[in-house]
């Protein structure tokens, strides 16, 4: 497994925990700083969460669905 894939998976899992604990997510820049990843990675994480039905995301606002 590549290092970038590990970074993504780790950040994704931490984002899931954050979502579970707070029921909300901060802005993309704040989330990137919190997770230690780029906004590109944050957007990939948010897109994946939207695909799986965890959030509704319109590139500005995020709504927690589960």
Protein backbone atom coordinates (compact mmCIF):
# COMPACT_ATOMS: atom_id res chain seq x y z
CA UNK A 1 0.00 0.00 0.00
CA UNK A 2 1.39 3.40 -0.94
CA UNK A 3 2.15 6.07 1.61
CA UNK A 4 -0.41 8.46 0.09
CA UNK A 5 -3.08 5.77 0.31
CA UNK A 6 -2.24 5.25 3.99
CA UNK A 7 -2.43 9.00 4.62
CA UNK A 8 -5.84 9.15 2.92
CA UNK A 9 -7.21 6.15 4.84
CA UNK A 10 -5.92 7.47 8.15
CA UNK A 11 -7.40 10.93 7.50
CA UNK A 12 -10.70 9.38 6.33
CA UNK A 13 -10.97 7.30 9.51
CA UNK A 14 -10.16 10.29 11.72
CA UNK A 15 -12.78 12.31 9.85
CA UNK A 16 -15.33 9.55 10.47
CA UNK A 17 -14.54 9.64 14.20
CA UNK A 18 -14.86 13.43 14.21
CA UNK A 19 -18.21 13.19 12.45
CA UNK A 20 -19.39 10.57 14.92
CA UNK A 21 -18.29 12.63 17.93
CA UNK A 22 -19.49 16.07 16.84
CA UNK A 23 -22.23 15.33 14.26
CA UNK A 24 -20.75 18.15 12.16
CA UNK A 25 -17.62 18.96 10.19
CA UNK A 26 -15.57 22.17 10.07
CA UNK A 27 -14.74 24.04 6.88
CA UNK A 28 -12.41 22.44 4.33
CA UNK A 29 -9.35 24.48 5.41
CA UNK A 30 -10.03 23.77 9.09
CA UNK A 31 -10.57 20.09 8.41
CA UNK A 32 -7.34 19.91 6.41
CA UNK A 33 -5.39 21.55 9.23
CA UNK A 34 -7.01 19.29 11.82
CA UNK A 35 -6.26 16.14 9.83
CA UNK A 36 -2.87 17.30 8.56
CA UNK A 37 -3.77 16.86 4.89
CA UNK A 38 -4.28 19.07 1.84
CA UNK A 39 -7.64 20.48 0.75
CA UNK A 40 -7.48 18.11 -2.21
CA UNK A 41 -7.42 15.17 0.18
CA UNK A 42 -10.18 16.75 2.26
CA UNK A 43 -12.33 17.08 -0.86
CA UNK A 44 -11.68 13.43 -1.74
CA UNK A 45 -12.74 12.43 1.76
CA UNK A 46 -15.91 14.54 1.60
CA UNK A 47 -16.75 13.18 -1.86
CA UNK A 48 -16.38 9.62 -0.57
CA UNK A 49 -18.57 10.40 2.44
CA UNK A 50 -21.20 11.78 0.09
CA UNK A 51 -20.99 8.68 -2.13
CA UNK A 52 -21.60 6.45 0.87
CA UNK A 53 -24.53 8.54 2.09
CA UNK A 54 -22.90 9.87 5.25
CA UNK A 55 -23.19 13.52 4.27
CA UNK A 56 -24.83 15.72 1.66
CA UNK A 57 -22.19 18.07 0.27
CA UNK A 58 -22.66 20.88 -2.22
CA UNK A 59 -19.04 22.12 -2.12
CA UNK A 60 -19.94 24.82 0.41
CA UNK A 61 -22.26 23.31 2.99
CA UNK A 62 -22.16 19.84 4.50
CA UNK A 63 -25.21 18.18 6.00
CA UNK A 64 -24.81 15.07 8.13
CA UNK A 65 -27.24 12.39 7.03
CA UNK A 66 -26.31 9.59 9.43
